[in-house]
């Protein structure tokens, strides 16, 4: 029997960083759902597919794509058809198109199936935008991370700089506003707060403070599930 921790929220709230830290410290398997959609977007772009007008081709690619998430001692690496694309999937072009491909119902159906298969019979922690509402609506722990738009854009801008990605704060903010709108207005699996999710505003909290809050919630829930 598996134990599932599901974390949702918009970009820049610290979901990815927090999830990786908790996975490492608590021995949970971390499945990066966002990286999966980014990998699909990257493959489409490489094949010259750049808009929803080629929706059927995108769906076909999703059905046949090979995405692997490998966990090393300190990092998580994403492989697309055998190639390490961990950095390549973070470019602004891929970021923008990943929102487009993820809006396709048939694509989300394929990805959700893939995510559930990865999680079978494992204790996992998974973050994304519809994990608590669609992928694992019956998760043992459901958390929604949030923060102000300005703070989220600042964090993403700093993160991009560290990775050597050339994107101004203004570009980052604009891209984030569009992503938020697209994610919350898509027909299938829109970004929203699950009714039974615990909401944590990370605007004024450090990564360490957020991590400890969530670990406390997980430990309490895990203990109750075993009693």
C-alpha atoms as a PDB file:
ATOM      1  CA  UNK A   1       0.000   0.000   0.000  1.00  0.00           C
ATOM      2  CA  UNK A   2       1.408   3.405  -0.974  1.00  0.00           C
ATOM      3  CA  UNK A   3       1.484   6.719   0.900  1.00  0.00           C
ATOM      4  CA  UNK A   4       0.911   9.747  -1.312  1.00  0.00           C
ATOM      5  CA  UNK A   5       1.810  13.390  -0.690  1.00  0.00           C
ATOM      6  CA  UNK A   6       0.312  15.716  -3.317  1.00  0.00           C
ATOM      7  CA  UNK A   7       1.371  19.348  -3.694  1.00  0.00           C
ATOM      8  CA  UNK A   8      -0.251  21.853  -6.053  1.00  0.00           C
ATOM      9  CA  UNK A   9       0.245  25.547  -6.712  1.00  0.00           C
ATOM     10  CA  UNK A  10       1.328  28.066  -9.353  1.00  0.00           C
ATOM     11  CA  UNK A  11       4.931  28.424 -10.553  1.00  0.00           C
ATOM     12  CA  UNK A  12       7.462  30.125  -8.289  1.00  0.00           C
ATOM     13  CA  UNK A  13       5.935  29.011  -4.998  1.00  0.00           C
ATOM     14  CA  UNK A  14       8.812  26.664  -4.230  1.00  0.00           C
ATOM     15  CA  UNK A  15       6.978  23.436  -5.088  1.00  0.00           C
ATOM     16  CA  UNK A  16       9.859  21.865  -6.981  1.00  0.00           C
ATOM     17  CA  UNK A  17      12.577  22.754  -4.479  1.00  0.00           C
ATOM     18  CA  UNK A  18      10.487  21.764  -1.456  1.00  0.00           C
ATOM     19  CA  UNK A  19       9.429  18.476  -3.029  1.00  0.00           C
ATOM     20  CA  UNK A  20      13.011  17.491  -3.835  1.00  0.00           C
ATOM     21  CA  UNK A  21      14.203  18.311  -0.309  1.00  0.00           C
ATOM     22  CA  UNK A  22      11.386  16.428   1.396  1.00  0.00           C
ATOM     23  CA  UNK A  23      11.766  13.434  -0.928  1.00  0.00           C
ATOM     24  CA  UNK A  24      15.443  13.188   0.003  1.00  0.00           C
ATOM     25  CA  UNK A  25      14.984  13.697   3.750  1.00  0.00           C
ATOM     26  CA  UNK A  26      11.936  11.459   4.141  1.00  0.00           C
ATOM     27  CA  UNK A  27      12.757   8.753   1.627  1.00  0.00           C
ATOM     28  CA  UNK A  28       9.832   9.472  -0.677  1.00  0.00           C
ATOM     29  CA  UNK A  29       9.913   9.056  -4.455  1.00  0.00           C
ATOM     30  CA  UNK A  30       9.647  12.440  -6.196  1.00  0.00           C
ATOM     31  CA  UNK A  31       7.846  12.495  -9.551  1.00  0.00           C
ATOM     32  CA  UNK A  32       8.254  15.836 -11.368  1.00  0.00           C
ATOM     33  CA  UNK A  33       5.042  16.181 -13.396  1.00  0.00           C
ATOM     34  CA  UNK A  34       5.926  19.619 -14.741  1.00  0.00           C
ATOM     35  CA  UNK A  35       9.109  18.226 -16.266  1.00  0.00           C
ATOM     36  CA  UNK A  36       7.013  15.635 -18.070  1.00  0.00           C
ATOM     37  CA  UNK A  37       4.907  18.275 -19.831  1.00  0.00           C
ATOM     38  CA  UNK A  38       8.028  20.318 -20.545  1.00  0.00           C
ATOM     39  CA  UNK A  39       9.649  17.256 -22.134  1.00  0.00           C
ATOM     40  CA  UNK A  40       6.661  16.812 -24.416  1.00  0.00           C
ATOM     41  CA  UNK A  41       6.770  20.506 -25.334  1.00  0.00           C
ATOM     42  CA  UNK A  42      10.483  20.244 -26.111  1.00  0.00           C
ATOM     43  CA  UNK A  43       9.989  17.247 -28.388  1.00  0.00           C
ATOM     44  CA  UNK A  44       7.169  19.001 -30.247  1.00  0.00           C
ATOM     45  CA  UNK A  45       9.272  22.127 -30.770  1.00  0.00           C
ATOM     46  CA  UNK A  46      12.182  20.048 -32.049  1.00  0.00           C
ATOM     47  CA  UNK A  47       9.812  18.515 -34.588  1.00  0.00           C
ATOM     48  CA  UNK A  48       8.638  21.968 -35.692  1.00  0.00           C
ATOM     49  CA  UNK A  49       5.266  21.767 -33.958  1.00  0.00           C
ATOM     50  CA  UNK A  50       4.550  25.153 -32.391  1.00  0.00           C
ATOM     51  CA  UNK A  51       0.785  25.629 -32.055  1.00  0.00           C
ATOM     52  CA  UNK A  52      -2.506  23.955 -31.143  1.00  0.00           C
ATOM     53  CA  UNK A  53      -3.347  23.824 -34.843  1.00  0.00           C
ATOM     54  CA  UNK A  54      -1.312  20.599 -34.853  1.00  0.00           C
ATOM     55  CA  UNK A  55      -3.154  19.171 -31.866  1.00  0.00           C
ATOM     56  CA  UNK A  56      -3.475  15.665 -33.308  1.00  0.00           C
ATOM     57  CA  UNK A  57       0.281  15.424 -33.859  1.00  0.00           C
ATOM     58  CA  UNK A  58       0.912  16.561 -30.260  1.00  0.00           C
ATOM     59  CA  UNK A  59      -1.453  13.873 -28.946  1.00  0.00           C
ATOM     60  CA  UNK A  60       0.268  11.197 -31.028  1.00  0.00           C
ATOM     61  CA  UNK A  61       3.693  12.270 -29.759  1.00  0.00           C
ATOM     62  CA  UNK A  62       2.416  12.162 -26.153  1.00  0.00           C
ATOM     63  CA  UNK A  63       1.205   8.584 -26.653  1.00  0.00           C
ATOM     64  CA  UNK A  64       4.618   7.436 -27.844  1.00  0.00           C
ATOM     65  CA  UNK A  65       7.012   9.624 -25.852  1.00  0.00           C
ATOM     66  CA  UNK A  66       9.615   8.047 -23.585  1.00  0.00           C
ATOM     67  CA  UNK A  67      10.214  10.084 -20.423  1.00  0.00           C
ATOM     68  CA  UNK A  68      12.418   8.830 -17.602  1.00  0.00           C
ATOM     69  CA  UNK A  69      13.058  10.516 -14.265  1.00  0.00           C
ATOM     70  CA  UNK A  70      16.334   9.396 -12.724  1.00  0.00           C
ATOM     71  CA  UNK A  71      17.161  10.188  -9.109  1.00  0.00           C
ATOM     72  CA  UNK A  72      20.802  10.617  -8.160  1.00  0.00           C
ATOM     73  CA  UNK A  73      22.268  11.447  -4.758  1.00  0.00           C
ATOM     74  CA  UNK A  74      21.794  15.214  -5.105  1.00  0.00           C
ATOM     75  CA  UNK A  75      19.827  15.773  -8.301  1.00  0.00           C
ATOM     76  CA  UNK A  76      16.897  14.605 -10.370  1.00  0.00           C
ATOM     77  CA  UNK A  77      17.567  14.264 -14.081  1.00  0.00           C
ATOM     78  CA  UNK A  78      15.031  14.150 -16.890  1.00  0.00           C
ATOM     79  CA  UNK A  79      15.644  11.964 -19.923  1.00  0.00           C
ATOM     80  CA  UNK A  80      13.675  12.341 -23.146  1.00  0.00           C
ATOM     81  CA  UNK A  81      14.053   9.389 -25.512  1.00  0.00           C
ATOM     82  CA  UNK A  82      17.337   8.536 -23.781  1.00  0.00           C
ATOM     83  CA  UNK A  83      18.776  12.072 -23.837  1.00  0.00           C
ATOM     84  CA  UNK A  84      19.342  14.156 -20.702  1.00  0.00           C
ATOM     85  CA  UNK A  85      17.210  17.311 -21.183  1.00  0.00           C
ATOM     86  CA  UNK A  86      17.175  18.555 -17.577  1.00  0.00           C
ATOM     87  CA  UNK A  87      18.445  22.018 -18.569  1.00  0.00           C
ATOM     88  CA  UNK A  88      16.938  22.223 -22.045  1.00  0.00           C
ATOM     89  CA  UNK A  89      13.360  21.914 -20.770  1.00  0.00           C
ATOM     90  CA  UNK A  90      13.759  25.115 -18.683  1.00  0.00           C
ATOM     91  CA  UNK A  91      14.107  27.581 -21.594  1.00  0.00           C
ATOM     92  CA  UNK A  92      11.443  30.271 -22.023  1.00  0.00           C
ATOM     93  CA  UNK A  93      10.288  28.760 -25.338  1.00  0.00           C
ATOM     94  CA  UNK A  94       9.682  25.360 -23.753  1.00  0.00           C
ATOM     95  CA  UNK A  95       8.082  26.962 -20.695  1.00  0.00           C
ATOM     96  CA  UNK A  96       5.598  28.856 -22.865  1.00  0.00           C
ATOM     97  CA  UNK A  97       4.704  25.857 -25.039  1.00  0.00           C
ATOM     98  CA  UNK A  98       4.396  23.436 -22.124  1.00  0.00           C
ATOM     99  CA  UNK A  99       1.340  25.404 -20.987  1.00  0.00           C
ATOM    100  CA  UNK A 100      -0.122  24.960 -24.483  1.00  0.00           C
ATOM    101  CA  UNK A 101       0.402  21.196 -24.702  1.00  0.00           C
ATOM    102  CA  UNK A 102      -0.845  20.673 -21.153  1.00  0.00           C
ATOM    103  CA  UNK A 103      -4.175  22.313 -22.075  1.00  0.00           C
ATOM    104  CA  UNK A 104      -5.042  19.415 -24.420  1.00  0.00           C
ATOM    105  CA  UNK A 105      -7.409  16.966 -22.633  1.00  0.00           C
ATOM    106  CA  UNK A 106      -6.050  13.899 -24.450  1.00  0.00           C
ATOM    107  CA  UNK A 107      -2.478  14.854 -23.509  1.00  0.00           C
ATOM    108  CA  UNK A 108      -3.393  15.251 -19.855  1.00  0.00           C
ATOM    109  CA  UNK A 109      -5.114  11.870 -19.932  1.00  0.00           C
ATOM    110  CA  UNK A 110      -1.947  10.216 -21.246  1.00  0.00           C
ATOM    111  CA  UNK A 111       0.282  12.021 -18.738  1.00  0.00           C
ATOM    112  CA  UNK A 112      -1.952  11.308 -15.738  1.00  0.00           C
ATOM    113  CA  UNK A 113      -1.950   7.619 -16.654  1.00  0.00           C
ATOM    114  CA  UNK A 114       1.849   7.700 -16.901  1.00  0.00           C
ATOM    115  CA  UNK A 115       2.132   9.463 -13.528  1.00  0.00           C
ATOM    116  CA  UNK A 116      -0.136   6.964 -11.768  1.00  0.00           C
ATOM    117  CA  UNK A 117       1.845   4.077 -13.215  1.00  0.00           C
ATOM    118  CA  UNK A 118       5.110   5.588 -11.940  1.00  0.00           C
ATOM    119  CA  UNK A 119       3.597   5.868  -8.456  1.00  0.00           C
ATOM    120  CA  UNK A 120       2.185   2.354  -8.106  1.00  0.00           C
ATOM    121  CA  UNK A 121       3.011   0.685  -4.767  1.00  0.00           C
ATOM    122  CA  UNK A 122       5.441   3.415  -3.749  1.00  0.00           C
ATOM    123  CA  UNK A 123       5.552   6.101  -1.062  1.00  0.00           C
ATOM    124  CA  UNK A 124       5.667   9.236  -3.190  1.00  0.00           C
ATOM    125  CA  UNK A 125       5.595  13.013  -3.170  1.00  0.00           C
ATOM    126  CA  UNK A 126       4.350  14.653  -6.353  1.00  0.00           C
ATOM    127  CA  UNK A 127       3.949  18.307  -7.256  1.00  0.00           C
ATOM    128  CA  UNK A 128       2.126  20.019 -10.086  1.00  0.00           C
ATOM    129  CA  UNK A 129      -1.076  21.898 -10.812  1.00  0.00           C
ATOM    130  CA  UNK A 130      -3.763  19.202 -10.627  1.00  0.00           C
ATOM    131  CA  UNK A 131      -2.188  16.552  -8.410  1.00  0.00           C
ATOM    132  CA  UNK A 132      -4.566  17.075  -5.470  1.00  0.00           C
ATOM    133  CA  UNK A 133      -7.638  17.428  -7.699  1.00  0.00           C
ATOM    134  CA  UNK A 134      -7.148  15.011 -10.628  1.00  0.00           C
ATOM    135  CA  UNK A 135      -4.095  12.769 -10.370  1.00  0.00           C
ATOM    136  CA  UNK A 136      -4.416  11.805  -6.700  1.00  0.00           C
ATOM    137  CA  UNK A 137      -7.704  13.216  -5.344  1.00  0.00           C
ATOM    138  CA  UNK A 138      -7.482  10.713  -2.470  1.00  0.00           C
ATOM    139  CA  UNK A 139      -3.871  11.511  -1.533  1.00  0.00           C
ATOM    140  CA  UNK A 140      -2.938  11.041   2.137  1.00  0.00           C
ATOM    141  CA  UNK A 141      -1.597  14.618   2.289  1.00  0.00           C
ATOM    142  CA  UNK A 142      -2.874  17.451   0.060  1.00  0.00           C
ATOM    143  CA  UNK A 143      -1.122  20.823   0.113  1.00  0.00           C
ATOM    144  CA  UNK A 144      -1.526  23.974  -1.985  1.00  0.00           C
ATOM    145  CA  UNK A 145       1.486  26.309  -1.987  1.00  0.00           C
ATOM    146  CA  UNK A 146       0.968  29.960  -2.906  1.00  0.00           C
ATOM    147  CA  UNK A 147       2.826  33.304  -2.861  1.00  0.00           C
ATOM    148  CA  UNK A 148       2.402  36.800  -4.268  1.00  0.00           C
ATOM    149  CA  UNK A 149       2.905  37.215  -8.027  1.00  0.00           C
ATOM    150  CA  UNK A 150       5.831  39.620  -7.507  1.00  0.00           C
ATOM    151  CA  UNK A 151       7.643  37.259  -5.153  1.00  0.00           C
ATOM    152  CA  UNK A 152       7.092  34.287  -7.433  1.00  0.00           C
ATOM    153  CA  UNK A 153       8.461  36.197 -10.437  1.00  0.00           C
ATOM    154  CA  UNK A 154      11.489  37.319  -8.409  1.00  0.00           C
ATOM    155  CA  UNK A 155      12.255  33.747  -7.388  1.00  0.00           C
ATOM    156  CA  UNK A 156      11.925  32.413 -10.924  1.00  0.00           C
ATOM    157  CA  UNK A 157      14.077  35.260 -12.288  1.00  0.00           C
ATOM    158  CA  UNK A 158      16.858  34.456  -9.800  1.00  0.00           C
ATOM    159  CA  UNK A 159      16.547  30.753 -10.562  1.00  0.00           C
ATOM    160  CA  UNK A 160      16.851  31.396 -14.307  1.00  0.00           C
ATOM    161  CA  UNK A 161      19.944  33.572 -13.751  1.00  0.00           C
ATOM    162  CA  UNK A 162      21.614  30.782 -11.801  1.00  0.00           C
ATOM    163  CA  UNK A 163      20.934  28.405 -14.680  1.00  0.00           C
ATOM    164  CA  UNK A 164      22.311  30.859 -17.215  1.00  0.00           C
ATOM    165  CA  UNK A 165      18.942  31.469 -18.875  1.00  0.00           C
ATOM    166  CA  UNK A 166      18.630  34.974 -20.344  1.00  0.00           C
ATOM    167  CA  UNK A 167      15.226  36.258 -19.263  1.00  0.00           C
ATOM    168  CA  UNK A 168      14.560  39.657 -17.673  1.00  0.00           C
ATOM    169  CA  UNK A 169      12.412  40.107 -14.561  1.00  0.00           C
ATOM    170  CA  UNK A 170       9.741  41.809 -16.699  1.00  0.00           C
ATOM    171  CA  UNK A 171       9.709  38.894 -19.153  1.00  0.00           C
ATOM    172  CA  UNK A 172       9.541  36.451 -16.277  1.00  0.00           C
ATOM    173  CA  UNK A 173       6.625  38.293 -14.669  1.00  0.00           C
ATOM    174  CA  UNK A 174       4.719  38.503 -17.958  1.00  0.00           C
ATOM    175  CA  UNK A 175       5.285  34.810 -18.707  1.00  0.00           C
ATOM    176  CA  UNK A 176       4.146  33.885 -15.191  1.00  0.00           C
ATOM    177  CA  UNK A 177       0.946  35.948 -15.489  1.00  0.00           C
ATOM    178  CA  UNK A 178       0.104  34.212 -18.761  1.00  0.00           C
ATOM    179  CA  UNK A 179       0.908  30.786 -17.317  1.00  0.00           C
ATOM    180  CA  UNK A 180      -1.333  31.438 -14.311  1.00  0.00           C
ATOM    181  CA  UNK A 181      -4.214  32.478 -16.574  1.00  0.00           C
ATOM    182  CA  UNK A 182      -3.779  29.511 -18.913  1.00  0.00           C
ATOM    183  CA  UNK A 183      -3.461  27.012 -16.065  1.00  0.00           C
ATOM    184  CA  UNK A 184      -6.534  28.243 -14.214  1.00  0.00           C
ATOM    185  CA  UNK A 185      -8.734  28.488 -17.330  1.00  0.00           C
ATOM    186  CA  UNK A 186      -7.978  25.215 -19.116  1.00  0.00           C
ATOM    187  CA  UNK A 187     -10.890  22.808 -19.557  1.00  0.00           C
ATOM    188  CA  UNK A 188      -9.235  19.749 -18.047  1.00  0.00           C
ATOM    189  CA  UNK A 189      -7.340  19.717 -14.746  1.00  0.00           C
ATOM    190  CA  UNK A 190      -7.349  23.481 -14.134  1.00  0.00           C
ATOM    191  CA  UNK A 191      -5.195  24.897 -11.349  1.00  0.00           C
ATOM    192  CA  UNK A 192      -7.414  25.299  -8.300  1.00  0.00           C
ATOM    193  CA  UNK A 193      -7.348  24.681  -4.576  1.00  0.00           C
ATOM    194  CA  UNK A 194      -8.793  21.316  -3.575  1.00  0.00           C
ATOM    195  CA  UNK A 195     -11.479  21.669  -0.924  1.00  0.00           C
ATOM    196  CA  UNK A 196      -9.542  19.563   1.578  1.00  0.00           C
ATOM    197  CA  UNK A 197      -6.042  20.871   0.781  1.00  0.00           C
ATOM    198  CA  UNK A 198      -3.984  22.753   3.368  1.00  0.00           C
ATOM    199  CA  UNK A 199      -2.938  26.155   1.956  1.00  0.00           C
ATOM    200  CA  UNK A 200       0.517  27.524   2.794  1.00  0.00           C
ATOM    201  CA  UNK A 201       1.473  31.061   1.726  1.00  0.00           C
ATOM    202  CA  UNK A 202       5.228  31.026   1.149  1.00  0.00           C
ATOM    203  CA  UNK A 203       5.652  34.732   0.312  1.00  0.00           C
ATOM    204  CA  UNK A 204       7.470  35.586   3.539  1.00  0.00           C
ATOM    205  CA  UNK A 205       8.762  32.133   4.415  1.00  0.00           C
ATOM    206  CA  UNK A 206      12.165  30.626   3.734  1.00  0.00           C
ATOM    207  CA  UNK A 207      12.520  27.291   1.969  1.00  0.00           C
ATOM    208  CA  UNK A 208      13.576  25.752   5.288  1.00  0.00           C
ATOM    209  CA  UNK A 209      10.460  27.083   7.072  1.00  0.00           C
ATOM    210  CA  UNK A 210       8.124  25.759   4.384  1.00  0.00           C
ATOM    211  CA  UNK A 211       9.901  22.406   4.326  1.00  0.00           C
ATOM    212  CA  UNK A 212       9.586  21.956   8.094  1.00  0.00           C
ATOM    213  CA  UNK A 213       5.878  22.900   8.023  1.00  0.00           C
ATOM    214  CA  UNK A 214       5.173  20.288   5.364  1.00  0.00           C
ATOM    215  CA  UNK A 215       7.308  17.606   7.043  1.00  0.00           C
ATOM    216  CA  UNK A 216       5.324  18.118  10.222  1.00  0.00           C
ATOM    217  CA  UNK A 217       2.055  17.678   8.313  1.00  0.00           C
ATOM    218  CA  UNK A 218       3.362  14.535   6.580  1.00  0.00           C
ATOM    219  CA  UNK A 219       4.636  12.959   9.797  1.00  0.00           C
ATOM    220  CA  UNK A 220       1.303  13.539  11.531  1.00  0.00           C
ATOM    221  CA  UNK A 221      -0.675  12.067   8.624  1.00  0.00           C
ATOM    222  CA  UNK A 222       1.696   9.110   8.227  1.00  0.00           C
ATOM    223  CA  UNK A 223       1.428   8.259  11.917  1.00  0.00           C
ATOM    224  CA  UNK A 224      -2.381   8.403  11.750  1.00  0.00           C
ATOM    225  CA  UNK A 225      -2.425   6.133   8.678  1.00  0.00           C
ATOM    226  CA  UNK A 226      -0.460   3.482  10.574  1.00  0.00           C
ATOM    227  CA  UNK A 227      -2.458   3.651  13.823  1.00  0.00           C
END
